[in-house]
Amino acid sequence: MKKTEAIRLAYQIATLNEIPDDLLGELTQLDYLRVLEVLLVLRQSPNRIKAPANFIRSAIRNNWKPGGTPEKRISEKKSEKPIAPDRYDSFYRMIEG
């Protein structure tokens, strides 16, 4: 069995869908064991994966491994004061001061 066919079949087992051709091309560049690891990470995800191809690309880019949960990125805190359009500036100055 060729590597491409094996990856196609492994993806189909993991997702129950056909693999997109562009993703197949990307996965064939990787070591076969790494492909299997990434597909296992996909299967182990506790959340529903809406876009498996994007999830797989993220797993590869961020070097996710099976058994661990991907770290959620924490965004910077937003300022406590809401940002208002310029037309409301005079109103806010009036009530603040």
PDB file of N, CA and C in Angstrom:
ATOM      1  N   MET A   1       0.849  -1.173   0.000  1.00  0.00           N
ATOM      2  CA  MET A   1       0.000   0.000   0.000  1.00  0.00           C
ATOM      3  C   MET A   1       0.896   1.237   0.000  1.00  0.00           C
ATOM      4  N   LYS A   2       0.574   2.172  -0.857  1.00  0.00           N
ATOM      5  CA  LYS A   2       1.331   3.419  -0.937  1.00  0.00           C
ATOM      6  C   LYS A   2       1.028   4.307   0.268  1.00  0.00           C
ATOM      7  N   LYS A   3       1.982   5.185   0.575  1.00  0.00           N
ATOM      8  CA  LYS A   3       1.816   6.103   1.700  1.00  0.00           C
ATOM      9  C   LYS A   3       0.581   6.977   1.506  1.00  0.00           C
ATOM     10  N   THR A   4       0.360   7.477   0.303  1.00  0.00           N
ATOM     11  CA  THR A   4      -0.793   8.327   0.015  1.00  0.00           C
ATOM     12  C   THR A   4      -2.096   7.597   0.289  1.00  0.00           C
ATOM     13  N   GLU A   5      -2.178   6.349  -0.153  1.00  0.00           N
ATOM     14  CA  GLU A   5      -3.392   5.560   0.072  1.00  0.00           C
ATOM     15  C   GLU A   5      -3.596   5.287   1.559  1.00  0.00           C
ATOM     16  N   ALA A   6      -2.508   5.023   2.277  1.00  0.00           N
ATOM     17  CA  ALA A   6      -2.592   4.762   3.712  1.00  0.00           C
ATOM     18  C   ALA A   6      -3.072   6.008   4.460  1.00  0.00           C
ATOM     19  N   ILE A   7      -2.570   7.180   4.077  1.00  0.00           N
ATOM     20  CA  ILE A   7      -2.995   8.428   4.712  1.00  0.00           C
ATOM     21  C   ILE A   7      -4.464   8.697   4.406  1.00  0.00           C
ATOM     22  N   ARG A   8      -4.852   8.471   3.174  1.00  0.00           N
ATOM     23  CA  ARG A   8      -6.252   8.668   2.777  1.00  0.00           C
ATOM     24  C   ARG A   8      -7.175   7.786   3.630  1.00  0.00           C
ATOM     25  N   LEU A   9      -6.806   6.538   3.806  1.00  0.00           N
ATOM     26  CA  LEU A   9      -7.609   5.597   4.579  1.00  0.00           C
ATOM     27  C   LEU A   9      -7.614   5.966   6.073  1.00  0.00           C
ATOM     28  N   ALA A  10      -6.462   6.336   6.612  1.00  0.00           N
ATOM     29  CA  ALA A  10      -6.376   6.719   8.024  1.00  0.00           C
ATOM     30  C   ALA A  10      -7.227   7.961   8.305  1.00  0.00           C
ATOM     31  N   TYR A  11      -7.201   8.932   7.402  1.00  0.00           N
ATOM     32  CA  TYR A  11      -8.019  10.144   7.557  1.00  0.00           C
ATOM     33  C   TYR A  11      -9.495   9.774   7.535  1.00  0.00           C
ATOM     34  N   GLN A  12      -9.861   8.899   6.629  1.00  0.00           N
ATOM     35  CA  GLN A  12     -11.258   8.487   6.510  1.00  0.00           C
ATOM     36  C   GLN A  12     -11.709   7.744   7.774  1.00  0.00           C
ATOM     37  N   ILE A  13     -10.847   6.933   8.355  1.00  0.00           N
ATOM     38  CA  ILE A  13     -11.169   6.235   9.602  1.00  0.00           C
ATOM     39  C   ILE A  13     -11.351   7.255  10.729  1.00  0.00           C
ATOM     40  N   ALA A  14     -10.487   8.263  10.779  1.00  0.00           N
ATOM     41  CA  ALA A  14     -10.525   9.247  11.859  1.00  0.00           C
ATOM     42  C   ALA A  14     -11.711  10.203  11.752  1.00  0.00           C
ATOM     43  N   THR A  15     -12.105  10.558  10.527  1.00  0.00           N
ATOM     44  CA  THR A  15     -13.124  11.598  10.356  1.00  0.00           C
ATOM     45  C   THR A  15     -14.426  11.104   9.730  1.00  0.00           C
ATOM     46  N   LEU A  16     -14.396   9.924   9.146  1.00  0.00           N
ATOM     47  CA  LEU A  16     -15.537   9.383   8.394  1.00  0.00           C
ATOM     48  C   LEU A  16     -15.872  10.233   7.170  1.00  0.00           C
ATOM     49  N   ASN A  17     -14.880  10.962   6.684  1.00  0.00           N
ATOM     50  CA  ASN A  17     -15.029  11.788   5.476  1.00  0.00           C
ATOM     51  C   ASN A  17     -13.831  11.591   4.569  1.00  0.00           C
ATOM     52  N   GLU A  18     -13.985  12.025   3.336  1.00  0.00           N
ATOM     53  CA  GLU A  18     -12.873  11.993   2.382  1.00  0.00           C
ATOM     54  C   GLU A  18     -11.902  13.125   2.700  1.00  0.00           C
ATOM     55  N   ILE A  19     -10.633  12.882   2.493  1.00  0.00           N
ATOM     56  CA  ILE A  19      -9.617  13.899   2.749  1.00  0.00           C
ATOM     57  C   ILE A  19      -9.554  14.885   1.582  1.00  0.00           C
ATOM     58  N   PRO A  20      -9.506  16.187   1.868  1.00  0.00           N
ATOM     59  CA  PRO A  20      -9.320  17.163   0.786  1.00  0.00           C
ATOM     60  C   PRO A  20      -7.951  16.963   0.134  1.00  0.00           C
ATOM     61  N   ASP A  21      -7.885  17.161  -1.168  1.00  0.00           N
ATOM     62  CA  ASP A  21      -6.642  16.927  -1.906  1.00  0.00           C
ATOM     63  C   ASP A  21      -5.486  17.784  -1.408  1.00  0.00           C
ATOM     64  N   ASP A  22      -5.770  19.053  -1.052  1.00  0.00           N
ATOM     65  CA  ASP A  22      -4.681  19.919  -0.583  1.00  0.00           C
ATOM     66  C   ASP A  22      -4.116  19.428   0.747  1.00  0.00           C
ATOM     67  N   LEU A  23      -4.975  18.938   1.627  1.00  0.00           N
ATOM     68  CA  LEU A  23      -4.508  18.406   2.905  1.00  0.00           C
ATOM     69  C   LEU A  23      -3.740  17.105   2.693  1.00  0.00           C
ATOM     70  N   LEU A  24      -4.191  16.288   1.772  1.00  0.00           N
ATOM     71  CA  LEU A  24      -3.485  15.046   1.461  1.00  0.00           C
ATOM     72  C   LEU A  24      -2.057  15.351   1.012  1.00  0.00           C
ATOM     73  N   GLY A  25      -1.910  16.365   0.191  1.00  0.00           N
ATOM     74  CA  GLY A  25      -0.576  16.772  -0.255  1.00  0.00           C
ATOM     75  C   GLY A  25       0.305  17.213   0.903  1.00  0.00           C
ATOM     76  N   GLU A  26      -0.282  17.950   1.857  1.00  0.00           N
ATOM     77  CA  GLU A  26       0.480  18.411   3.011  1.00  0.00           C
ATOM     78  C   GLU A  26       0.879  17.239   3.910  1.00  0.00           C
ATOM     79  N   LEU A  27      -0.032  16.308   4.121  1.00  0.00           N
ATOM     80  CA  LEU A  27       0.245  15.183   5.012  1.00  0.00           C
ATOM     81  C   LEU A  27       1.255  14.208   4.418  1.00  0.00           C
ATOM     82  N   THR A  28       1.290  14.082   3.105  1.00  0.00           N
ATOM     83  CA  THR A  28       2.259  13.166   2.498  1.00  0.00           C
ATOM     84  C   THR A  28       3.695  13.655   2.673  1.00  0.00           C
ATOM     85  N   GLN A  29       3.861  14.948   2.988  1.00  0.00           N
ATOM     86  CA  GLN A  29       5.195  15.496   3.224  1.00  0.00           C
ATOM     87  C   GLN A  29       5.732  15.121   4.607  1.00  0.00           C
ATOM     88  N   LEU A  30       4.819  14.702   5.501  1.00  0.00           N
ATOM     89  CA  LEU A  30       5.204  14.350   6.874  1.00  0.00           C
ATOM     90  C   LEU A  30       5.559  12.878   6.983  1.00  0.00           C
ATOM     91  N   ASP A  31       6.248  12.549   8.059  1.00  0.00           N
ATOM     92  CA  ASP A  31       6.499  11.159   8.399  1.00  0.00           C
ATOM     93  C   ASP A  31       5.149  10.495   8.698  1.00  0.00           C
ATOM     94  N   TYR A  32       4.987   9.255   8.268  1.00  0.00           N
ATOM     95  CA  TYR A  32       3.699   8.574   8.423  1.00  0.00           C
ATOM     96  C   TYR A  32       3.285   8.464   9.888  1.00  0.00           C
ATOM     97  N   LEU A  33       4.227   8.223  10.795  1.00  0.00           N
ATOM     98  CA  LEU A  33       3.886   8.129  12.214  1.00  0.00           C
ATOM     99  C   LEU A  33       3.379   9.463  12.752  1.00  0.00           C
ATOM    100  N   ARG A  34       3.920  10.571  12.252  1.00  0.00           N
ATOM    101  CA  ARG A  34       3.440  11.893  12.667  1.00  0.00           C
ATOM    102  C   ARG A  34       2.004  12.111  12.189  1.00  0.00           C
ATOM    103  N   VAL A  35       1.703  11.664  10.990  1.00  0.00           N
ATOM    104  CA  VAL A  35       0.334  11.765  10.463  1.00  0.00           C
ATOM    105  C   VAL A  35      -0.620  11.012  11.379  1.00  0.00           C
ATOM    106  N   LEU A  36      -0.236   9.807  11.782  1.00  0.00           N
ATOM    107  CA  LEU A  36      -1.085   9.021  12.673  1.00  0.00           C
ATOM    108  C   LEU A  36      -1.252   9.704  14.030  1.00  0.00           C
ATOM    109  N   GLU A  37      -0.189  10.323  14.543  1.00  0.00           N
ATOM    110  CA  GLU A  37      -0.281  11.064  15.807  1.00  0.00           C
ATOM    111  C   GLU A  37      -1.282  12.204  15.701  1.00  0.00           C
ATOM    112  N   VAL A  38      -1.195  12.953  14.625  1.00  0.00           N
ATOM    113  CA  VAL A  38      -2.080  14.102  14.430  1.00  0.00           C
ATOM    114  C   VAL A  38      -3.536  13.640  14.315  1.00  0.00           C
ATOM    115  N   LEU A  39      -3.760  12.554  13.612  1.00  0.00           N
ATOM    116  CA  LEU A  39      -5.124  12.030  13.491  1.00  0.00           C
ATOM    117  C   LEU A  39      -5.636  11.514  14.836  1.00  0.00           C
ATOM    118  N   LEU A  40      -4.748  10.987  15.657  1.00  0.00           N
ATOM    119  CA  LEU A  40      -5.134  10.551  16.992  1.00  0.00           C
ATOM    120  C   LEU A  40      -5.497  11.749  17.867  1.00  0.00           C
ATOM    121  N   VAL A  41      -4.748  12.837  17.749  1.00  0.00           N
ATOM    122  CA  VAL A  41      -5.079  14.070  18.472  1.00  0.00           C
ATOM    123  C   VAL A  41      -6.481  14.533  18.074  1.00  0.00           C
ATOM    124  N   LEU A  42      -6.779  14.465  16.802  1.00  0.00           N
ATOM    125  CA  LEU A  42      -8.100  14.831  16.294  1.00  0.00           C
ATOM    126  C   LEU A  42      -9.184  13.978  16.945  1.00  0.00           C
ATOM    127  N   ARG A  43      -8.963  12.681  16.991  1.00  0.00           N
ATOM    128  CA  ARG A  43      -9.946  11.761  17.577  1.00  0.00           C
ATOM    129  C   ARG A  43     -10.090  11.959  19.080  1.00  0.00           C
ATOM    130  N   GLN A  44      -9.027  12.355  19.754  1.00  0.00           N
ATOM    131  CA  GLN A  44      -9.055  12.523  21.200  1.00  0.00           C
ATOM    132  C   GLN A  44      -9.650  13.854  21.640  1.00  0.00           C
ATOM    133  N   SER A  45      -9.914  14.735  20.711  1.00  0.00           N
ATOM    134  CA  SER A  45     -10.453  16.045  21.066  1.00  0.00           C
ATOM    135  C   SER A  45     -11.819  15.887  21.734  1.00  0.00           C
ATOM    136  N   PRO A  46     -12.012  16.539  22.888  1.00  0.00           N
ATOM    137  CA  PRO A  46     -13.299  16.425  23.576  1.00  0.00           C
ATOM    138  C   PRO A  46     -14.406  17.232  22.900  1.00  0.00           C
ATOM    139  N   ASN A  47     -14.021  18.142  22.030  1.00  0.00           N
ATOM    140  CA  ASN A  47     -14.993  18.993  21.345  1.00  0.00           C
ATOM    141  C   ASN A  47     -15.225  18.511  19.919  1.00  0.00           C
ATOM    142  N   ARG A  48     -16.387  18.841  19.396  1.00  0.00           N
ATOM    143  CA  ARG A  48     -16.693  18.527  18.000  1.00  0.00           C
ATOM    144  C   ARG A  48     -15.792  19.387  17.123  1.00  0.00           C
ATOM    145  N   ILE A  49     -15.188  18.772  16.130  1.00  0.00           N
ATOM    146  CA  ILE A  49     -14.300  19.487  15.214  1.00  0.00           C
ATOM    147  C   ILE A  49     -15.092  19.825  13.961  1.00  0.00           C
ATOM    148  N   LYS A  50     -15.333  21.118  13.746  1.00  0.00           N
ATOM    149  CA  LYS A  50     -16.126  21.551  12.601  1.00  0.00           C
ATOM    150  C   LYS A  50     -15.309  21.549  11.310  1.00  0.00           C
ATOM    151  N   ALA A  51     -14.019  21.824  11.441  1.00  0.00           N
ATOM    152  CA  ALA A  51     -13.145  21.900  10.271  1.00  0.00           C
ATOM    153  C   ALA A  51     -11.911  21.031  10.527  1.00  0.00           C
ATOM    154  N   PRO A  52     -12.010  19.724  10.256  1.00  0.00           N
ATOM    155  CA  PRO A  52     -10.890  18.828  10.545  1.00  0.00           C
ATOM    156  C   PRO A  52      -9.586  19.237   9.866  1.00  0.00           C
ATOM    157  N   ALA A  53      -9.661  19.728   8.642  1.00  0.00           N
ATOM    158  CA  ALA A  53      -8.430  20.110   7.930  1.00  0.00           C
ATOM    159  C   ALA A  53      -7.710  21.235   8.667  1.00  0.00           C
ATOM    160  N   ASN A  54      -8.447  22.229   9.130  1.00  0.00           N
ATOM    161  CA  ASN A  54      -7.828  23.337   9.866  1.00  0.00           C
ATOM    162  C   ASN A  54      -7.291  22.865  11.212  1.00  0.00           C
ATOM    163  N   PHE A  55      -8.008  21.973  11.873  1.00  0.00           N
ATOM    164  CA  PHE A  55      -7.552  21.416  13.141  1.00  0.00           C
ATOM    165  C   PHE A  55      -6.241  20.671  12.936  1.00  0.00           C
ATOM    166  N   ILE A  56      -6.164  19.882  11.891  1.00  0.00           N
ATOM    167  CA  ILE A  56      -4.953  19.104  11.600  1.00  0.00           C
ATOM    168  C   ILE A  56      -3.785  20.035  11.308  1.00  0.00           C
ATOM    169  N   ARG A  57      -4.027  21.078  10.542  1.00  0.00           N
ATOM    170  CA  ARG A  57      -2.958  22.042  10.256  1.00  0.00           C
ATOM    171  C   ARG A  57      -2.458  22.705  11.543  1.00  0.00           C
ATOM    172  N   SER A  58      -3.386  23.048  12.439  1.00  0.00           N
ATOM    173  CA  SER A  58      -2.997  23.638  13.727  1.00  0.00           C
ATOM    174  C   SER A  58      -2.195  22.645  14.563  1.00  0.00           C
ATOM    175  N   ALA A  59      -2.621  21.399  14.563  1.00  0.00           N
ATOM    176  CA  ALA A  59      -1.919  20.366  15.325  1.00  0.00           C
ATOM    177  C   ALA A  59      -0.490  20.199  14.826  1.00  0.00           C
ATOM    178  N   ILE A  60      -0.314  20.267  13.532  1.00  0.00           N
ATOM    179  CA  ILE A  60       1.029  20.139  12.954  1.00  0.00           C
ATOM    180  C   ILE A  60       1.863  21.373  13.293  1.00  0.00           C
ATOM    181  N   ARG A  61       1.275  22.546  13.075  1.00  0.00           N
ATOM    182  CA  ARG A  61       1.987  23.811  13.302  1.00  0.00           C
ATOM    183  C   ARG A  61       2.384  23.979  14.769  1.00  0.00           C
ATOM    184  N   ASN A  62       1.498  23.562  15.692  1.00  0.00           N
ATOM    185  CA  ASN A  62       1.743  23.749  17.121  1.00  0.00           C
ATOM    186  C   ASN A  62       2.334  22.521  17.806  1.00  0.00           C
ATOM    187  N   ASN A  63       2.651  21.507  17.003  1.00  0.00           N
ATOM    188  CA  ASN A  63       3.296  20.290  17.491  1.00  0.00           C
ATOM    189  C   ASN A  63       2.507  19.598  18.611  1.00  0.00           C
ATOM    190  N   TRP A  64       1.172  19.509  18.426  1.00  0.00           N
ATOM    191  CA  TRP A  64       0.344  18.832  19.408  1.00  0.00           C
ATOM    192  C   TRP A  64       0.633  17.338  19.383  1.00  0.00           C
ATOM    193  N   LYS A  65       0.593  16.744  20.539  1.00  0.00           N
ATOM    194  CA  LYS A  65       0.860  15.311  20.690  1.00  0.00           C
ATOM    195  C   LYS A  65      -0.372  14.611  21.270  1.00  0.00           C
ATOM    196  N   PRO A  66      -0.548  13.319  21.000  1.00  0.00           N
ATOM    197  CA  PRO A  66      -1.672  12.578  21.572  1.00  0.00           C
ATOM    198  C   PRO A  66      -1.578  12.538  23.097  1.00  0.00           C
ATOM    199  N   GLY A  67      -2.737  12.500  23.722  1.00  0.00           N
ATOM    200  CA  GLY A  67      -2.785  12.377  25.171  1.00  0.00           C
ATOM    201  C   GLY A  67      -2.837  13.698  25.898  1.00  0.00           C
ATOM    202  N   GLY A  68      -2.444  14.756  25.269  1.00  0.00           N
ATOM    203  CA  GLY A  68      -2.494  16.079  25.883  1.00  0.00           C
ATOM    204  C   GLY A  68      -3.580  16.900  25.212  1.00  0.00           C
ATOM    205  N   THR A  69      -4.124  17.828  25.940  1.00  0.00           N
ATOM    206  CA  THR A  69      -5.121  18.691  25.327  1.00  0.00           C
ATOM    207  C   THR A  69      -4.428  19.931  24.799  1.00  0.00           C
ATOM    208  N   PRO A  70      -4.795  20.390  23.621  1.00  0.00           N
ATOM    209  CA  PRO A  70      -4.186  21.596  23.074  1.00  0.00           C
ATOM    210  C   PRO A  70      -4.438  22.779  24.007  1.00  0.00           C
ATOM    211  N   GLU A  71      -3.410  23.600  24.185  1.00  0.00           N
ATOM    212  CA  GLU A  71      -3.544  24.757  25.060  1.00  0.00           C
ATOM    213  C   GLU A  71      -4.373  25.822  24.374  1.00  0.00           C
ATOM    214  N   LYS A  72      -5.314  26.366  25.149  1.00  0.00           N
ATOM    215  CA  LYS A  72      -6.147  27.443  24.627  1.00  0.00           C
ATOM    216  C   LYS A  72      -5.380  28.746  24.759  1.00  0.00           C
ATOM    217  N   ARG A  73      -5.348  29.508  23.698  1.00  0.00           N
ATOM    218  CA  ARG A  73      -4.655  30.783  23.739  1.00  0.00           C
ATOM    219  C   ARG A  73      -5.517  31.801  24.462  1.00  0.00           C
ATOM    220  N   ILE A  74      -4.887  32.533  25.373  1.00  0.00           N
ATOM    221  CA  ILE A  74      -5.610  33.536  26.139  1.00  0.00           C
ATOM    222  C   ILE A  74      -5.350  34.891  25.507  1.00  0.00           C
ATOM    223  N   SER A  75      -6.430  35.559  25.154  1.00  0.00           N
ATOM    224  CA  SER A  75      -6.282  36.869  24.529  1.00  0.00           C
ATOM    225  C   SER A  75      -5.994  37.920  25.595  1.00  0.00           C
ATOM    226  N   GLU A  76      -5.459  39.034  25.145  1.00  0.00           N
ATOM    227  CA  GLU A  76      -5.149  40.114  26.072  1.00  0.00           C
ATOM    228  C   GLU A  76      -6.437  40.672  26.652  1.00  0.00           C
ATOM    229  N   LYS A  77      -6.346  41.185  27.903  1.00  0.00           N
ATOM    230  CA  LYS A  77      -7.521  41.778  28.538  1.00  0.00           C
ATOM    231  C   LYS A  77      -7.925  43.035  27.792  1.00  0.00           C
ATOM    232  N   LYS A  78      -9.217  43.187  27.647  1.00  0.00           N
ATOM    233  CA  LYS A  78      -9.737  44.406  27.034  1.00  0.00           C
ATOM    234  C   LYS A  78      -9.827  45.480  28.103  1.00  0.00           C
ATOM    235  N   SER A  79      -9.788  46.712  27.666  1.00  0.00           N
ATOM    236  CA  SER A  79      -9.900  47.798  28.631  1.00  0.00           C
ATOM    237  C   SER A  79     -11.276  47.741  29.292  1.00  0.00           C
ATOM    238  N   GLU A  80     -11.332  48.143  30.540  1.00  0.00           N
ATOM    239  CA  GLU A  80     -12.585  48.065  31.276  1.00  0.00           C
ATOM    240  C   GLU A  80     -13.587  49.092  30.794  1.00  0.00           C
ATOM    241  N   LYS A  81     -13.103  50.221  30.324  1.00  0.00           N
ATOM    242  CA  LYS A  81     -13.998  51.257  29.816  1.00  0.00           C
ATOM    243  C   LYS A  81     -14.325  50.943  28.360  1.00  0.00           C
ATOM    244  N   PRO A  82     -15.598  50.881  28.025  1.00  0.00           N
ATOM    245  CA  PRO A  82     -15.942  50.576  26.635  1.00  0.00           C
ATOM    246  C   PRO A  82     -15.484  51.694  25.707  1.00  0.00           C
ATOM    247  N   ILE A  83     -15.060  51.293  24.547  1.00  0.00           N
ATOM    248  CA  ILE A  83     -14.620  52.269  23.551  1.00  0.00           C
ATOM    249  C   ILE A  83     -15.853  52.732  22.794  1.00  0.00           C
ATOM    250  N   ALA A  84     -16.090  54.028  22.842  1.00  0.00           N
ATOM    251  CA  ALA A  84     -17.275  54.592  22.205  1.00  0.00           C
ATOM    252  C   ALA A  84     -16.868  55.388  20.972  1.00  0.00           C
ATOM    253  N   PRO A  85     -17.762  55.464  20.014  1.00  0.00           N
ATOM    254  CA  PRO A  85     -17.476  56.301  18.846  1.00  0.00           C
ATOM    255  C   PRO A  85     -17.314  57.761  19.259  1.00  0.00           C
ATOM    256  N   ASP A  86     -16.654  58.539  18.426  1.00  0.00           N
ATOM    257  CA  ASP A  86     -16.381  59.943  18.722  1.00  0.00           C
ATOM    258  C   ASP A  86     -17.642  60.743  19.017  1.00  0.00           C
ATOM    259  N   ARG A  87     -18.735  60.397  18.393  1.00  0.00           N
ATOM    260  CA  ARG A  87     -19.958  61.185  18.574  1.00  0.00           C
ATOM    261  C   ARG A  87     -20.496  61.096  20.009  1.00  0.00           C
ATOM    262  N   TYR A  88     -20.056  60.125  20.779  1.00  0.00           N
ATOM    263  CA  TYR A  88     -20.515  59.987  22.154  1.00  0.00           C
ATOM    264  C   TYR A  88     -19.536  60.584  23.167  1.00  0.00           C
ATOM    265  N   ASP A  89     -18.392  61.085  22.711  1.00  0.00           N
ATOM    266  CA  ASP A  89     -17.387  61.629  23.625  1.00  0.00           C
ATOM    267  C   ASP A  89     -17.942  62.718  24.526  1.00  0.00           C
ATOM    268  N   SER A  90     -18.672  63.653  23.964  1.00  0.00           N
ATOM    269  CA  SER A  90     -19.188  64.756  24.779  1.00  0.00           C
ATOM    270  C   SER A  90     -20.179  64.235  25.810  1.00  0.00           C
ATOM    271  N   PHE A  91     -20.950  63.242  25.450  1.00  0.00           N
ATOM    272  CA  PHE A  91     -21.907  62.645  26.397  1.00  0.00           C
ATOM    273  C   PHE A  91     -21.166  62.003  27.566  1.00  0.00           C
ATOM    274  N   TYR A  92     -20.121  61.223  27.273  1.00  0.00           N
ATOM    275  CA  TYR A  92     -19.352  60.566  28.343  1.00  0.00           C
ATOM    276  C   TYR A  92     -18.639  61.590  29.219  1.00  0.00           C
ATOM    277  N   ARG A  93     -18.115  62.658  28.618  1.00  0.00           N
ATOM    278  CA  ARG A  93     -17.470  63.692  29.422  1.00  0.00           C
ATOM    279  C   ARG A  93     -18.475  64.351  30.358  1.00  0.00           C
ATOM    280  N   MET A  94     -19.715  64.544  29.877  1.00  0.00           N
ATOM    281  CA  MET A  94     -20.743  65.190  30.667  1.00  0.00           C
ATOM    282  C   MET A  94     -21.125  64.307  31.891  1.00  0.00           C
ATOM    283  N   ILE A  95     -21.280  62.990  31.689  1.00  0.00           N
ATOM    284  CA  ILE A  95     -21.715  62.147  32.801  1.00  0.00           C
ATOM    285  C   ILE A  95     -20.566  61.786  33.737  1.00  0.00           C
ATOM    286  N   GLU A  96     -19.337  61.835  33.249  1.00  0.00           N
ATOM    287  CA  GLU A  96     -18.193  61.523  34.098  1.00  0.00           C
ATOM    288  C   GLU A  96     -17.790  62.720  34.960  1.00  0.00           C
ATOM    289  N   GLY A  97     -18.063  63.908  34.488  1.00  0.00           N
ATOM    290  CA  GLY A  97     -17.464  64.976  35.209  1.00  0.00           C
ATOM    291  C   GLY A  97     -18.229  66.080  35.672  1.00  0.00           C
TER     292      GLY A  97
END
